[in-house]
């Protein structure tokens, strides 16, 4: 494996290539992390506690409920049909028996430019995984494993939390995963969607890396205390959801009006040009936005056609 756990920060990838490299990184991380554990006693750790262990004040925090995506038939839409993976990933599956399509259930990820931290749950063949790690030339000791990263200045460290929970760090620190071992204050008000992203304020203000069409959304909520974007199902369809918490109700209402104005302008432009919103691209999603406030919280929803996910 040439790249493990660093794919989250890579640039210039699109379509199936980007999806396959990202999922390869997650699957590889999960497999490698399962070999060693922090302590002899293992206990169940709640999702709220795991999220609380991850730093998120200054970095992107995301959760992927892979099991829910699998049950809903969304996993193949997001990752492509089975068999489209790169030869490197197919070789990895053959060596370890671990395939994210069937064996990975959940991923919690905290990402910054300097470090990426993972908690993953799933089912693993430990004997085959130990053999795989040995072939990579990794160094295991003190309850964790370490190996070089393909990114200059980075080290990968990983450990087993319990039978089904794995921790991994791609960091400048040789033992970066150690920070994930300690109990922490559970994260409150966890989003319920199968896929969600919690965005820190710096990410909202730096719009250069955002897809065209989404920068207006970022501008409207850039002063929020906390912004969560998620995707889930509603009435036999899919829906993208925004929840932005502001200091005051007036701020939330100003953001609502800004988003409403942007959506109305988009629909007027489509009407003027005699165009129909295309469900396969962002116009089809953004043109259907609806917004409301609940005190200092702005909530937005956009219908998502399955064709867009494909």
Protein backbone atom coordinates (compact mmCIF):
# COMPACT_ATOMS: atom_id res chain seq x y z
CA UNK A 1 0.00 0.00 0.00
CA UNK A 2 1.70 3.20 -1.08
CA UNK A 3 -0.79 5.61 0.46
CA UNK A 4 -2.57 4.89 3.72
CA UNK A 5 -4.74 7.39 5.58
CA UNK A 6 -3.35 10.35 3.62
CA UNK A 7 -5.92 10.26 0.82
CA UNK A 8 -8.22 12.58 2.74
CA UNK A 9 -5.92 15.49 2.06
CA UNK A 10 -5.12 14.75 -1.57
CA UNK A 11 -6.11 17.11 -4.31
CA UNK A 12 -6.94 16.87 -7.98
CA UNK A 13 -8.97 13.66 -7.78
CA UNK A 14 -12.44 13.42 -9.22
CA UNK A 15 -15.18 10.85 -9.80
CA UNK A 16 -14.54 7.16 -9.24
CA UNK A 17 -10.79 7.74 -8.85
CA UNK A 18 -11.32 10.05 -5.86
CA UNK A 19 -13.90 7.74 -4.29
CA UNK A 20 -11.76 4.65 -4.71
CA UNK A 21 -8.64 6.25 -3.22
CA UNK A 22 -10.62 7.65 -0.26
CA UNK A 23 -12.33 4.36 0.47
CA UNK A 24 -9.06 2.50 0.00
CA UNK A 25 -7.50 4.79 2.59
CA UNK A 26 -10.32 4.16 5.08
CA UNK A 27 -10.34 0.41 4.51
CA UNK A 28 -6.56 0.17 4.78
CA UNK A 29 -6.61 2.25 7.95
CA UNK A 30 -9.24 0.00 9.48
CA UNK A 31 -7.32 -3.16 8.65
CA UNK A 32 -3.97 -1.93 9.92
CA UNK A 33 -5.39 -0.44 13.10
CA UNK A 34 -6.84 -3.73 14.25
CA UNK A 35 -3.61 -5.48 15.19
CA UNK A 36 -2.72 -3.97 18.58
CA UNK A 37 -4.72 -2.58 21.48
CA UNK A 38 -4.21 0.01 24.19
CA UNK A 39 -5.10 -2.12 27.20
CA UNK A 40 -5.98 -5.64 28.19
CA UNK A 41 -9.58 -4.82 29.08
CA UNK A 42 -11.94 -3.87 26.29
CA UNK A 43 -15.25 -2.10 26.72
CA UNK A 44 -17.91 -0.71 24.50
CA UNK A 45 -17.37 2.95 23.65
CA UNK A 46 -20.33 5.06 22.52
CA UNK A 47 -20.28 7.06 19.32
CA UNK A 48 -20.66 10.22 21.41
CA UNK A 49 -17.52 9.41 23.42
CA UNK A 50 -15.50 8.55 20.32
CA UNK A 51 -16.51 11.84 18.70
CA UNK A 52 -15.57 13.65 21.91
CA UNK A 53 -12.06 12.18 21.76
CA UNK A 54 -11.51 13.65 18.31
CA UNK A 55 -10.41 17.31 18.17
CA UNK A 56 -12.91 19.34 16.16
CA UNK A 57 -12.66 22.97 17.24
CA UNK A 58 -10.21 23.74 14.45
CA UNK A 59 -10.75 20.94 11.96
CA UNK A 60 -13.37 19.15 9.91
CA UNK A 61 -15.14 16.30 11.69
CA UNK A 62 -17.11 13.77 9.63
CA UNK A 63 -19.04 10.60 10.22
CA UNK A 64 -19.95 7.90 7.70
CA UNK A 65 -22.47 5.27 8.82
CA UNK A 66 -21.38 2.77 6.20
CA UNK A 67 -23.75 0.07 7.47
CA UNK A 68 -26.75 2.41 7.05
CA UNK A 69 -25.56 3.43 3.58
CA UNK A 70 -25.25 -0.24 2.69
CA UNK A 71 -28.78 -1.03 3.90
CA UNK A 72 -30.24 1.94 2.02
CA UNK A 73 -28.51 0.98 -1.22
CA UNK A 74 -26.49 4.21 -1.11
CA UNK A 75 -23.02 2.70 -0.76
CA UNK A 76 -22.83 1.51 -4.35
CA UNK A 77 -24.14 4.88 -5.54
CA UNK A 78 -21.41 6.75 -3.68
CA UNK A 79 -18.56 4.32 -4.29
CA UNK A 80 -19.52 2.80 -7.62
CA UNK A 81 -20.48 -0.79 -8.30
CA UNK A 82 -18.35 -3.58 -6.86
CA UNK A 83 -15.50 -4.48 -9.18
CA UNK A 84 -14.57 -0.93 -10.20
CA UNK A 85 -11.86 -0.67 -7.54
CA UNK A 86 -8.22 -0.32 -8.48
CA UNK A 87 -6.00 -3.39 -8.74
CA UNK A 88 -4.10 -2.27 -5.61
CA UNK A 89 -7.28 -2.40 -3.53
CA UNK A 90 -8.29 -5.78 -4.95
CA UNK A 91 -4.89 -7.14 -3.95
CA UNK A 92 -5.37 -5.71 -0.47
CA UNK A 93 -8.73 -7.49 -0.12
CA UNK A 94 -7.23 -10.75 -1.32
CA UNK A 95 -4.41 -10.50 1.26
CA UNK A 96 -6.46 -9.49 4.29
CA UNK A 97 -10.02 -10.61 3.62
CA UNK A 98 -11.19 -7.09 4.55
CA UNK A 99 -13.55 -5.33 2.13
CA UNK A 100 -15.14 -2.02 3.16
CA UNK A 101 -18.29 -2.91 1.20
CA UNK A 102 -19.12 -5.72 3.62
CA UNK A 103 -16.79 -5.35 6.61
CA UNK A 104 -16.65 -1.63 7.44
CA UNK A 105 -19.62 -0.35 9.46
CA UNK A 106 -18.69 3.17 10.53
CA UNK A 107 -15.98 5.80 10.19
CA UNK A 108 -15.38 8.91 12.30
CA UNK A 109 -12.74 11.21 10.83
CA UNK A 110 -11.13 14.43 12.08
CA UNK A 111 -9.16 16.14 9.32
CA UNK A 112 -6.77 19.09 9.15
CA UNK A 113 -3.92 19.92 6.79
CA UNK A 114 -1.43 18.64 9.35
CA UNK A 115 -3.15 15.52 10.65
CA UNK A 116 -5.95 13.03 10.03
CA UNK A 117 -7.44 10.94 12.86
CA UNK A 118 -9.80 7.98 12.48
CA UNK A 119 -12.11 5.81 14.57
CA UNK A 120 -13.45 2.87 12.57
CA UNK A 121 -15.70 -0.08 13.36
CA UNK A 122 -16.03 -3.32 11.47
CA UNK A 123 -15.18 -7.01 11.27
CA UNK A 124 -11.60 -8.18 10.80
CA UNK A 125 -9.58 -11.37 10.36
CA UNK A 126 -6.81 -10.60 12.85
CA UNK A 127 -4.45 -13.38 11.75
CA UNK A 128 -4.47 -12.27 8.14
CA UNK A 129 -4.16 -8.65 9.17
CA UNK A 130 -1.10 -9.37 11.34
CA UNK A 131 0.52 -11.10 8.38
CA UNK A 132 -0.25 -8.10 6.19
CA UNK A 133 1.25 -5.61 8.67
CA UNK A 134 4.43 -7.68 8.97
CA UNK A 135 4.88 -7.52 5.20
CA UNK A 136 4.68 -3.71 5.34
CA UNK A 137 7.71 -3.49 7.63
CA UNK A 138 5.76 -1.83 10.44
CA UNK A 139 7.03 -1.47 14.02
CA UNK A 140 4.68 -2.57 16.82
CA UNK A 141 5.21 -2.06 20.54
CA UNK A 142 3.80 -0.34 23.59
CA UNK A 143 0.25 -1.21 22.60
CA UNK A 144 0.36 0.35 19.14
CA UNK A 145 1.89 0.02 15.69
CA UNK A 146 3.80 2.65 13.71
CA UNK A 147 4.90 2.93 10.12
CA UNK A 148 6.20 5.49 7.68
CA UNK A 149 3.77 7.49 5.57
CA UNK A 150 4.19 8.29 1.90
CA UNK A 151 3.63 11.96 2.80
CA UNK A 152 6.91 13.62 3.82
CA UNK A 153 7.03 14.43 7.51
CA UNK A 154 4.09 12.16 8.37
CA UNK A 155 3.97 8.98 10.45
CA UNK A 156 1.10 6.52 10.71
CA UNK A 157 0.25 5.03 14.11
CA UNK A 158 -2.66 2.79 14.94
CA UNK A 159 -4.21 0.76 17.76
CA UNK A 160 -7.19 -1.37 18.67
CA UNK A 161 -9.67 0.13 21.14
CA UNK A 162 -11.86 -2.96 21.43
CA UNK A 163 -12.98 -5.91 19.34
CA UNK A 164 -14.71 -3.73 16.77
CA UNK A 165 -13.32 -0.21 17.30
CA UNK A 166 -10.03 0.86 15.75
CA UNK A 167 -8.03 4.09 16.03
CA UNK A 168 -5.54 5.51 13.55
CA UNK A 169 -3.54 8.71 13.13
CA UNK A 170 -1.66 10.11 10.16
CA UNK A 171 0.38 12.78 11.90
CA UNK A 172 3.73 14.49 12.32
CA UNK A 173 3.89 12.68 15.67
CA UNK A 174 5.19 9.11 15.69
CA UNK A 175 2.58 8.12 18.30
CA UNK A 176 -0.21 10.44 17.20
CA UNK A 177 -2.86 7.81 17.87
CA UNK A 178 -2.06 7.87 21.60
CA UNK A 179 -4.24 10.96 22.07
CA UNK A 180 -7.27 8.86 21.07
CA UNK A 181 -6.80 6.37 23.90
CA UNK A 182 -8.10 8.48 26.78
CA UNK A 183 -11.72 8.92 27.76
CA UNK A 184 -13.17 12.32 26.92
CA UNK A 185 -16.29 14.38 27.44
CA UNK A 186 -18.89 12.89 25.08
CA UNK A 187 -19.94 15.08 22.18
CA UNK A 188 -23.41 16.52 22.76
CA UNK A 189 -26.21 16.79 20.19
CA UNK A 190 -24.76 14.30 17.73
CA UNK A 191 -26.26 14.62 14.23
CA UNK A 192 -28.49 11.70 13.34
CA UNK A 193 -27.86 11.51 9.60
CA UNK A 194 -25.87 8.54 8.22
CA UNK A 195 -23.40 10.97 6.64
CA UNK A 196 -22.56 14.31 8.22
CA UNK A 197 -19.76 16.84 8.33
CA UNK A 198 -19.13 19.36 11.11
CA UNK A 199 -17.36 22.39 9.64
CA UNK A 200 -15.07 24.64 11.71
CA UNK A 201 -15.12 28.41 11.24
CA UNK A 202 -11.78 28.54 9.35
CA UNK A 203 -13.12 26.18 6.69
CA UNK A 204 -16.17 28.39 6.16
CA UNK A 205 -14.07 31.51 5.65
CA UNK A 206 -11.65 29.84 3.21
CA UNK A 207 -13.92 29.36 0.19
CA UNK A 208 -11.33 28.79 -2.53
CA UNK A 209 -11.50 25.03 -2.16
CA UNK A 210 -15.30 24.81 -2.17
CA UNK A 211 -17.24 23.54 -5.21
CA UNK A 212 -18.79 26.20 -7.43
CA UNK A 213 -22.34 26.91 -6.29
CA UNK A 214 -21.68 26.21 -2.61
CA UNK A 215 -19.67 29.34 -1.82
CA UNK A 216 -22.84 31.39 -1.35
CA UNK A 217 -23.94 28.93 1.34
CA UNK A 218 -20.58 29.22 3.09
CA UNK A 219 -20.77 33.02 2.97
CA UNK A 220 -24.20 33.02 4.58
CA UNK A 221 -23.12 30.88 7.56
CA UNK A 222 -19.47 31.90 7.98
CA UNK A 223 -20.21 33.65 11.30
CA UNK A 224 -22.02 30.67 12.82
CA UNK A 225 -20.71 28.98 15.98
CA UNK A 226 -21.23 25.51 14.52
CA UNK A 227 -22.30 24.26 11.10
CA UNK A 228 -23.34 20.69 10.31
CA UNK A 229 -24.07 19.38 6.82
CA UNK A 230 -25.72 15.99 6.50
CA UNK A 231 -27.52 13.72 4.10
CA UNK A 232 -30.29 11.28 4.94
CA UNK A 233 -33.59 9.92 3.72
CA UNK A 234 -37.09 11.38 3.91
CA UNK A 235 -40.33 10.13 2.37
CA UNK A 236 -38.61 7.59 0.12
CA UNK A 237 -36.09 10.13 -1.18
CA UNK A 238 -32.83 11.65 -0.06
CA UNK A 239 -32.31 15.04 1.50
CA UNK A 240 -29.31 17.25 2.24
CA UNK A 241 -29.57 19.14 5.52
CA UNK A 242 -27.89 22.19 6.98
CA UNK A 243 -27.94 23.24 10.63
CA UNK A 244 -26.08 26.42 11.59
CA UNK A 245 -26.10 27.70 15.17
CA UNK A 246 -25.50 31.44 15.61
CA UNK A 247 -24.99 33.65 18.66
CA UNK A 248 -28.34 35.39 18.14
CA UNK A 249 -31.64 34.86 16.33
CA UNK A 250 -31.05 38.02 14.25
CA UNK A 251 -27.90 36.49 12.76
CA UNK A 252 -29.73 33.27 11.93
CA UNK A 253 -32.55 35.19 10.22
CA UNK A 254 -30.09 37.30 8.21
CA UNK A 255 -28.42 34.10 6.98
CA UNK A 256 -31.84 32.62 6.13
CA UNK A 257 -32.75 35.65 4.05
CA UNK A 258 -29.40 35.56 2.27
CA UNK A 259 -29.82 31.89 1.33
CA UNK A 260 -33.43 32.44 0.29
CA UNK A 261 -32.42 35.33 -1.97
CA UNK A 262 -29.63 33.27 -3.55
CA UNK A 263 -32.02 30.38 -4.23
CA UNK A 264 -34.64 32.66 -5.76
CA UNK A 265 -32.00 34.27 -7.98
CA UNK A 266 -30.84 30.87 -9.21
CA UNK A 267 -34.40 29.87 -10.12
CA UNK A 268 -35.02 33.19 -11.91
CA UNK A 269 -31.87 32.66 -13.98
CA UNK A 270 -32.98 29.15 -14.92
CA UNK A 271 -36.42 30.43 -15.91
CA UNK A 272 -34.92 33.30 -17.92
CA UNK A 273 -32.70 30.90 -19.85
CA UNK A 274 -35.59 28.43 -20.26
CA UNK A 275 -33.66 25.74 -18.40
CA UNK A 276 -34.92 22.98 -16.14
CA UNK A 277 -32.93 22.20 -12.98
CA UNK A 278 -30.80 19.14 -13.70
CA UNK A 279 -31.16 16.52 -10.92
CA UNK A 280 -27.71 15.18 -11.80
CA UNK A 281 -25.81 18.34 -10.85
CA UNK A 282 -25.81 21.06 -8.21
CA UNK A 283 -28.44 23.20 -9.96
CA UNK A 284 -30.99 20.49 -9.37
CA UNK A 285 -30.10 20.36 -5.69
CA UNK A 286 -29.57 24.04 -4.87
CA UNK A 287 -32.67 25.26 -6.72
CA UNK A 288 -34.87 23.25 -4.32
CA UNK A 289 -33.57 24.77 -1.09
CA UNK A 290 -35.94 25.63 1.78
CA UNK A 291 -34.88 27.54 4.91
CA UNK A 292 -36.28 28.35 8.34
CA UNK A 293 -35.01 29.44 11.73
CA UNK A 294 -35.63 28.06 15.20
CA UNK A 295 -34.32 30.72 17.55
CA UNK A 296 -30.60 31.18 16.82
CA UNK A 297 -30.48 28.04 14.65
CA UNK A 298 -30.80 28.18 10.86
CA UNK A 299 -32.02 25.00 9.19
CA UNK A 300 -31.93 24.31 5.47
CA UNK A 301 -32.97 21.35 3.34
CA UNK A 302 -32.39 20.42 -0.29
CA UNK A 303 -33.98 17.43 -2.08
CA UNK A 304 -31.35 15.10 -3.53
CA UNK A 305 -32.21 12.93 -6.51
CA UNK A 306 -30.57 9.46 -6.59
CA UNK A 307 -29.17 10.46 -9.99
CA UNK A 308 -27.07 13.14 -8.26
CA UNK A 309 -25.49 10.55 -5.95
CA UNK A 310 -24.69 8.34 -8.91
